[in-house]
C-alpha atoms as a PDB file:
ATOM      1  CA  MET A   1      86.904 152.940-109.560  1.00  0.00           C
ATOM      2  CA  HIS A   2      88.148 152.825-113.129  1.00  0.00           C
ATOM      3  CA  LEU A   3      86.536 155.593-115.112  1.00  0.00           C
ATOM      4  CA  PRO A   4      85.794 154.636-119.441  1.00  0.00           C
ATOM      5  CA  PRO A   5      88.719 155.022-121.720  1.00  0.00           C
ATOM      6  CA  PRO A   6      88.212 159.134-122.868  1.00  0.00           C
ATOM      7  CA  PHE A   7      86.683 159.809-126.085  1.00  0.00           C
ATOM      8  CA  ILE A   8      87.059 163.197-126.512  1.00  0.00           C
ATOM      9  CA  THR A   9      89.507 165.029-124.497  1.00  0.00           C
ATOM     10  CA  VAL A  10      88.956 169.574-124.385  1.00  0.00           C
ATOM     11  CA  ASP A  11      92.186 170.761-122.916  1.00  0.00           C
ATOM     12  CA  ASP A  12      91.873 174.140-121.254  1.00  0.00           C
ATOM     13  CA  ILE A  13      91.126 175.842-124.743  1.00  0.00           C
ATOM     14  CA  THR A  14      89.569 179.459-125.890  1.00  0.00           C
ATOM     15  CA  VAL A  15      87.106 179.888-128.968  1.00  0.00           C
ATOM     16  CA  ARG A  16      87.565 182.430-131.447  1.00  0.00           C
ATOM     17  CA  LEU A  17      84.173 183.712-133.189  1.00  0.00           C
ATOM     18  CA  ARG A  18      84.995 187.264-135.340  1.00  0.00           C
ATOM     19  CA  GLU A  19      86.819 189.398-133.044  1.00  0.00           C
ATOM     20  CA  ARG A  20      85.829 187.445-129.500  1.00  0.00           C
ATOM     21  CA  TRP A  21      87.752 185.040-127.462  1.00  0.00           C
ATOM     22  CA  LEU A  22      84.850 182.981-126.098  1.00  0.00           C
ATOM     23  CA  LEU A  23      85.090 179.352-123.794  1.00  0.00           C
ATOM     24  CA  GLN A  24      88.495 180.676-122.300  1.00  0.00           C
ATOM     25  CA  GLY A  25      90.357 178.120-120.036  1.00  0.00           C
ATOM     26  CA  SER A  26      87.066 175.625-120.807  1.00  0.00           C
ATOM     27  CA  SER A  27      88.359 171.255-120.414  1.00  0.00           C
ATOM     28  CA  TRP A  28      85.286 168.912-120.249  1.00  0.00           C
ATOM     29  CA  ARG A  29      86.282 165.160-120.687  1.00  0.00           C
ATOM     30  CA  ILE A  30      84.311 162.685-122.573  1.00  0.00           C
ATOM     31  CA  ASN A  31      83.802 159.421-122.230  1.00  0.00           C
ATOM     32  CA  THR A  32      83.432 156.125-124.658  1.00  0.00           C
ATOM     33  CA  GLY A  33      79.598 155.492-124.292  1.00  0.00           C
ATOM     34  CA  GLU A  34      78.290 158.873-122.947  1.00  0.00           C
ATOM     35  CA  GLN A  35      75.925 161.150-123.868  1.00  0.00           C
ATOM     36  CA  TRP A  36      75.417 164.891-122.339  1.00  0.00           C
ATOM     37  CA  ALA A  37      73.423 167.537-122.099  1.00  0.00           C
ATOM     38  CA  VAL A  38      74.596 171.199-122.115  1.00  0.00           C
ATOM     39  CA  THR A  39      71.895 173.299-120.469  1.00  0.00           C
ATOM     40  CA  GLY A  40      72.258 177.439-119.484  1.00  0.00           C
ATOM     41  CA  PRO A  41      70.270 180.714-121.236  1.00  0.00           C
ATOM     42  CA  ASN A  42      70.789 181.961-124.709  1.00  0.00           C
ATOM     43  CA  GLY A  43      73.975 183.456-124.567  1.00  0.00           C
ATOM     44  CA  ALA A  44      75.747 181.141-122.343  1.00  0.00           C
ATOM     45  CA  GLY A  45      77.925 180.077-125.283  1.00  0.00           C
ATOM     46  CA  LYS A  46      76.154 176.490-125.604  1.00  0.00           C
ATOM     47  CA  THR A  47      76.817 176.804-129.309  1.00  0.00           C
ATOM     48  CA  THR A  48      79.702 177.819-129.392  1.00  0.00           C
ATOM     49  CA  LEU A  49      80.991 174.880-127.774  1.00  0.00           C
ATOM     50  CA  ALA A  50      79.406 172.674-129.285  1.00  0.00           C
ATOM     51  CA  LYS A  51      80.782 174.020-132.608  1.00  0.00           C
ATOM     52  CA  ALA A  52      84.307 174.032-131.121  1.00  0.00           C
ATOM     53  CA  ILE A  53      84.126 169.868-130.775  1.00  0.00           C
ATOM     54  CA  ALA A  54      82.756 169.277-133.929  1.00  0.00           C
ATOM     55  CA  GLY A  55      85.641 171.508-135.991  1.00  0.00           C
ATOM     56  CA  LEU A  56      82.941 174.516-137.230  1.00  0.00           C
ATOM     57  CA  LEU A  57      84.928 176.937-135.463  1.00  0.00           C
ATOM     58  CA  PRO A  58      89.132 177.916-134.942  1.00  0.00           C
ATOM     59  CA  VAL A  59      90.651 176.660-130.811  1.00  0.00           C
ATOM     60  CA  VAL A  60      93.096 179.496-130.576  1.00  0.00           C
ATOM     61  CA  GLN A  61      94.618 178.004-126.799  1.00  0.00           C
ATOM     62  CA  GLY A  62      94.138 175.265-125.549  1.00  0.00           C
ATOM     63  CA  LYS A  63      93.769 171.379-128.080  1.00  0.00           C
ATOM     64  CA  ILE A  64      90.711 168.997-128.061  1.00  0.00           C
ATOM     65  CA  HIS A  65      91.214 165.298-128.298  1.00  0.00           C
ATOM     66  CA  TYR A  66      90.174 163.096-130.415  1.00  0.00           C
ATOM     67  CA  HIS A  67      90.717 159.588-129.272  1.00  0.00           C
ATOM     68  CA  THR A  68      89.408 157.354-130.956  1.00  0.00           C
ATOM     69  CA  PHE A  69      88.825 158.970-134.612  1.00  0.00           C
ATOM     70  CA  ASP A  70      91.600 158.032-136.431  1.00  0.00           C
ATOM     71  CA  GLY A  71      92.498 160.573-137.924  1.00  0.00           C
ATOM     72  CA  ILE A  72      89.680 161.338-139.326  1.00  0.00           C
ATOM     73  CA  PRO A  73      88.718 164.968-139.333  1.00  0.00           C
ATOM     74  CA  PRO A  74      86.291 166.203-136.476  1.00  0.00           C
ATOM     75  CA  VAL A  75      83.860 167.019-139.153  1.00  0.00           C
ATOM     76  CA  ASP A  76      83.720 164.396-141.059  1.00  0.00           C
ATOM     77  CA  ALA A  77      83.453 162.199-138.388  1.00  0.00           C
ATOM     78  CA  ILE A  78      80.861 164.225-136.079  1.00  0.00           C
ATOM     79  CA  ALA A  79      77.172 165.399-137.612  1.00  0.00           C
ATOM     80  CA  TYR A  80      76.386 168.177-136.218  1.00  0.00           C
ATOM     81  CA  VAL A  81      72.414 168.963-135.966  1.00  0.00           C
ATOM     82  CA  ALA A  82      70.602 172.377-135.995  1.00  0.00           C
ATOM     83  CA  SER A  83      67.273 173.391-135.827  1.00  0.00           C
ATOM     84  CA  ASP A  84      67.950 176.466-138.104  1.00  0.00           C
ATOM     85  CA  ALA A  85      68.940 173.685-140.289  1.00  0.00           C
ATOM     86  CA  ARG A  86      64.859 172.796-141.513  1.00  0.00           C
ATOM     87  CA  ARG A  87      64.799 176.471-141.997  1.00  0.00           C
ATOM     88  CA  ASP A  88      67.399 176.940-144.489  1.00  0.00           C
ATOM     89  CA  ILE A  89      66.602 173.961-146.389  1.00  0.00           C
ATOM     90  CA  TRP A  90      63.329 174.418-146.296  1.00  0.00           C
ATOM     91  CA  ARG A  91      64.272 178.329-147.631  1.00  0.00           C
ATOM     92  CA  ARG A  92      66.422 177.116-150.331  1.00  0.00           C
ATOM     93  CA  GLU A  93      63.522 174.262-151.765  1.00  0.00           C
ATOM     94  CA  SER A  94      60.830 177.288-152.330  1.00  0.00           C
ATOM     95  CA  VAL A  95      63.599 179.098-154.505  1.00  0.00           C
ATOM     96  CA  LEU A  96      63.851 175.650-156.250  1.00  0.00           C
ATOM     97  CA  ASP A  97      60.496 175.446-156.342  1.00  0.00           C
ATOM     98  CA  HIS A  98      59.145 178.478-157.662  1.00  0.00           C
ATOM     99  CA  GLY A  99      62.737 178.154-160.241  1.00  0.00           C
ATOM    100  CA  ARG A 100      60.481 174.191-161.362  1.00  0.00           C
ATOM    101  CA  GLY A 101      57.012 176.618-161.901  1.00  0.00           C
ATOM    102  CA  PHE A 102      58.709 179.788-164.190  1.00  0.00           C
ATOM    103  CA  ALA A 103      59.998 176.751-165.825  1.00  0.00           C
ATOM    104  CA  GLY A 104      56.808 174.238-166.009  1.00  0.00           C
ATOM    105  CA  ARG A 105      58.828 171.513-164.337  1.00  0.00           C
ATOM    106  CA  PHE A 106      56.171 170.959-161.389  1.00  0.00           C
ATOM    107  CA  GLY A 107      56.403 167.396-161.169  1.00  0.00           C
ATOM    108  CA  ASP A 108      60.459 167.843-160.490  1.00  0.00           C
ATOM    109  CA  VAL A 109      60.437 168.277-157.050  1.00  0.00           C
ATOM    110  CA  THR A 110      63.006 166.803-154.047  1.00  0.00           C
ATOM    111  CA  THR A 111      61.697 164.088-151.960  1.00  0.00           C
ATOM    112  CA  VAL A 112      62.697 163.081-148.364  1.00  0.00           C
ATOM    113  CA  ARG A 113      64.906 160.326-150.209  1.00  0.00           C
ATOM    114  CA  GLU A 114      66.882 162.598-152.214  1.00  0.00           C
ATOM    115  CA  LEU A 115      67.586 165.083-149.118  1.00  0.00           C
ATOM    116  CA  ILE A 116      68.450 162.425-146.794  1.00  0.00           C
ATOM    117  CA  GLY A 117      71.197 161.074-149.967  1.00  0.00           C
ATOM    118  CA  ARG A 118      72.257 164.529-150.669  1.00  0.00           C
ATOM    119  CA  GLN A 119      76.604 164.334-150.467  1.00  0.00           C
ATOM    120  CA  PRO A 120      78.360 166.476-150.091  1.00  0.00           C
ATOM    121  CA  ALA A 121      80.283 168.065-153.043  1.00  0.00           C
ATOM    122  CA  GLU A 122      83.444 166.760-151.973  1.00  0.00           C
ATOM    123  CA  GLY A 123      82.935 163.501-152.100  1.00  0.00           C
ATOM    124  CA  PRO A 124      80.763 160.603-154.562  1.00  0.00           C
ATOM    125  CA  PRO A 125      77.838 158.604-152.658  1.00  0.00           C
ATOM    126  CA  PRO A 126      78.645 155.646-150.863  1.00  0.00           C
ATOM    127  CA  ILE A 127      78.188 152.340-152.616  1.00  0.00           C
ATOM    128  CA  ASP A 128      76.082 151.145-149.565  1.00  0.00           C
ATOM    129  CA  LEU A 129      73.910 154.037-149.889  1.00  0.00           C
ATOM    130  CA  ALA A 130      70.847 151.889-150.610  1.00  0.00           C
ATOM    131  CA  ALA A 131      71.344 149.350-147.878  1.00  0.00           C
ATOM    132  CA  ARG A 132      72.534 152.690-144.986  1.00  0.00           C
ATOM    133  CA  MET A 133      69.340 153.895-146.078  1.00  0.00           C
ATOM    134  CA  ALA A 134      66.912 151.289-145.318  1.00  0.00           C
ATOM    135  CA  ASP A 135      68.745 150.817-142.382  1.00  0.00           C
ATOM    136  CA  MET A 136      68.466 154.423-141.543  1.00  0.00           C
ATOM    137  CA  ALA A 137      64.742 155.023-142.127  1.00  0.00           C
ATOM    138  CA  GLY A 138      63.826 151.540-140.146  1.00  0.00           C
ATOM    139  CA  ARG A 139      66.005 152.960-137.457  1.00  0.00           C
ATOM    140  CA  VAL A 140      64.219 157.458-137.854  1.00  0.00           C
ATOM    141  CA  LYS A 141      60.736 155.231-138.752  1.00  0.00           C
ATOM    142  CA  LEU A 142      60.890 157.307-142.120  1.00  0.00           C
ATOM    143  CA  ASP A 143      59.961 154.912-144.106  1.00  0.00           C
ATOM    144  CA  SER A 144      56.365 156.045-144.907  1.00  0.00           C
ATOM    145  CA  LEU A 145      58.130 160.015-145.617  1.00  0.00           C
ATOM    146  CA  LEU A 146      60.948 158.754-147.482  1.00  0.00           C
ATOM    147  CA  ASP A 147      59.064 159.686-151.280  1.00  0.00           C
ATOM    148  CA  LYS A 148      57.455 162.966-149.489  1.00  0.00           C
ATOM    149  CA  PRO A 149      58.609 166.666-151.691  1.00  0.00           C
ATOM    150  CA  VAL A 150      60.870 168.403-148.619  1.00  0.00           C
ATOM    151  CA  LEU A 151      58.422 171.267-149.023  1.00  0.00           C
ATOM    152  CA  ALA A 152      55.457 169.552-147.451  1.00  0.00           C
ATOM    153  CA  VAL A 153      56.848 167.804-144.343  1.00  0.00           C
ATOM    154  CA  SER A 154      56.243 169.129-141.428  1.00  0.00           C
ATOM    155  CA  THR A 155      58.049 170.546-138.616  1.00  0.00           C
ATOM    156  CA  GLY A 156      58.328 167.819-136.569  1.00  0.00           C
ATOM    157  CA  GLU A 157      58.868 165.203-139.605  1.00  0.00           C
ATOM    158  CA  MET A 158      61.820 167.278-140.661  1.00  0.00           C
ATOM    159  CA  SER A 159      63.865 167.543-137.201  1.00  0.00           C
ATOM    160  CA  ARG A 160      63.687 163.680-137.877  1.00  0.00           C
ATOM    161  CA  VAL A 161      64.827 163.648-141.194  1.00  0.00           C
ATOM    162  CA  LEU A 162      67.490 166.054-140.342  1.00  0.00           C
ATOM    163  CA  VAL A 163      69.131 163.308-138.025  1.00  0.00           C
ATOM    164  CA  ALA A 164      68.648 160.511-140.396  1.00  0.00           C
ATOM    165  CA  ARG A 165      70.249 162.652-142.905  1.00  0.00           C
ATOM    166  CA  ALA A 166      73.047 162.267-140.416  1.00  0.00           C
ATOM    167  CA  LEU A 167      73.206 159.576-139.588  1.00  0.00           C
ATOM    168  CA  ILE A 168      73.598 157.485-143.173  1.00  0.00           C
ATOM    169  CA  ARG A 169      77.221 159.139-142.787  1.00  0.00           C
ATOM    170  CA  ARG A 170      77.302 156.651-140.286  1.00  0.00           C
ATOM    171  CA  PRO A 171      79.209 159.701-137.277  1.00  0.00           C
ATOM    172  CA  ARG A 172      81.522 158.833-134.245  1.00  0.00           C
ATOM    173  CA  MET A 173      78.808 161.178-132.502  1.00  0.00           C
ATOM    174  CA  LEU A 174      76.722 162.639-133.069  1.00  0.00           C
ATOM    175  CA  ILE A 175      75.570 166.546-131.881  1.00  0.00           C
ATOM    176  CA  LEU A 176      72.098 168.162-131.551  1.00  0.00           C
ATOM    177  CA  ASP A 177      71.732 172.196-131.013  1.00  0.00           C
ATOM    178  CA  GLU A 178      68.121 172.672-129.701  1.00  0.00           C
ATOM    179  CA  PRO A 179      66.458 170.683-132.050  1.00  0.00           C
ATOM    180  CA  PHE A 180      63.662 170.961-129.883  1.00  0.00           C
ATOM    181  CA  GLU A 181      62.817 174.405-131.034  1.00  0.00           C
ATOM    182  CA  GLY A 182      59.495 175.181-133.224  1.00  0.00           C
ATOM    183  CA  LEU A 183      58.637 171.655-132.479  1.00  0.00           C
ATOM    184  CA  ASP A 184      54.770 171.517-131.077  1.00  0.00           C
ATOM    185  CA  GLY A 185      53.817 168.556-128.258  1.00  0.00           C
ATOM    186  CA  SER A 186      53.993 165.333-130.587  1.00  0.00           C
ATOM    187  CA  GLY A 187      56.726 166.045-132.320  1.00  0.00           C
ATOM    188  CA  ARG A 188      59.137 166.649-129.410  1.00  0.00           C
ATOM    189  CA  GLN A 189      57.711 163.697-128.156  1.00  0.00           C
ATOM    190  CA  GLU A 190      58.441 161.596-131.398  1.00  0.00           C
ATOM    191  CA  LEU A 191      62.549 163.552-131.472  1.00  0.00           C
ATOM    192  CA  LYS A 192      62.977 162.116-127.285  1.00  0.00           C
ATOM    193  CA  THR A 193      61.275 158.640-128.680  1.00  0.00           C
ATOM    194  CA  LEU A 194      63.902 158.289-131.219  1.00  0.00           C
ATOM    195  CA  LEU A 195      67.107 160.332-129.534  1.00  0.00           C
ATOM    196  CA  ASP A 196      65.907 157.839-127.001  1.00  0.00           C
ATOM    197  CA  GLY A 197      66.895 154.804-129.079  1.00  0.00           C
ATOM    198  CA  LEU A 198      69.654 156.311-130.093  1.00  0.00           C
ATOM    199  CA  ALA A 199      71.286 156.592-126.215  1.00  0.00           C
ATOM    200  CA  ALA A 200      70.858 152.658-125.727  1.00  0.00           C
ATOM    201  CA  SER A 201      71.928 152.101-129.039  1.00  0.00           C
ATOM    202  CA  GLY A 202      75.748 153.262-127.612  1.00  0.00           C
ATOM    203  CA  LEU A 203      75.989 156.500-129.773  1.00  0.00           C
ATOM    204  CA  PRO A 204      78.011 158.770-128.310  1.00  0.00           C
ATOM    205  CA  MET A 205      75.406 162.140-128.445  1.00  0.00           C
ATOM    206  CA  VAL A 206      75.587 165.743-126.657  1.00  0.00           C
ATOM    207  CA  LEU A 207      72.412 167.465-126.859  1.00  0.00           C
ATOM    208  CA  VAL A 208      72.401 171.394-126.318  1.00  0.00           C
ATOM    209  CA  THR A 209      69.232 173.307-124.904  1.00  0.00           C
ATOM    210  CA  HIS A 210      69.009 175.866-122.748  1.00  0.00           C
ATOM    211  CA  ARG A 211      65.447 174.005-121.179  1.00  0.00           C
ATOM    212  CA  SER A 212      66.393 171.077-118.460  1.00  0.00           C
ATOM    213  CA  GLU A 213      62.507 170.034-119.257  1.00  0.00           C
ATOM    214  CA  GLU A 214      63.630 169.218-123.031  1.00  0.00           C
ATOM    215  CA  MET A 215      66.052 166.720-121.901  1.00  0.00           C
ATOM    216  CA  PRO A 216      65.079 162.868-122.672  1.00  0.00           C
END
């Protein structure tokens, strides 16, 4: 049997997290077109491994090979979405909203559309941003939420907003770190349906979770 061509190869790596060295001698091969789930108890190193693959933590020994990225850095080619980003966004928007209220600008709120379209400071927005927004909103079923204030979005809705914000970059890969954390039953089912659709589209994904029942 012939294996599909490799997409990412993790070759005998060790990762540094502050003063600690973790994942000593870890190896892994992700083939083209595959989706993976990384499971295990809290503290097992799942997030460390995911961040290393996404280029967010330094690899001090071994190497991670990105076979089809054409020289694009992993931090640009891989979208890493963590559940705690929801809390960070709400905290930041609450601070901004307080400032607007103090200045009397009560109608000046950040909408979901603006949050999704917000680009990194080092790069201009893509010229086809509107087309990307329309395509992404249809895939993630966010059309009814785009003009909703960020602070009025539910936890389940925000999980899909975070995926949409990642997809608008058109990444080569999507890593989801505990995306079901804090969701109720309906929110979990909506997110599972979304991930099933993304997997069927062929987008390589890694799902990090400590609950095996959360795997789509």
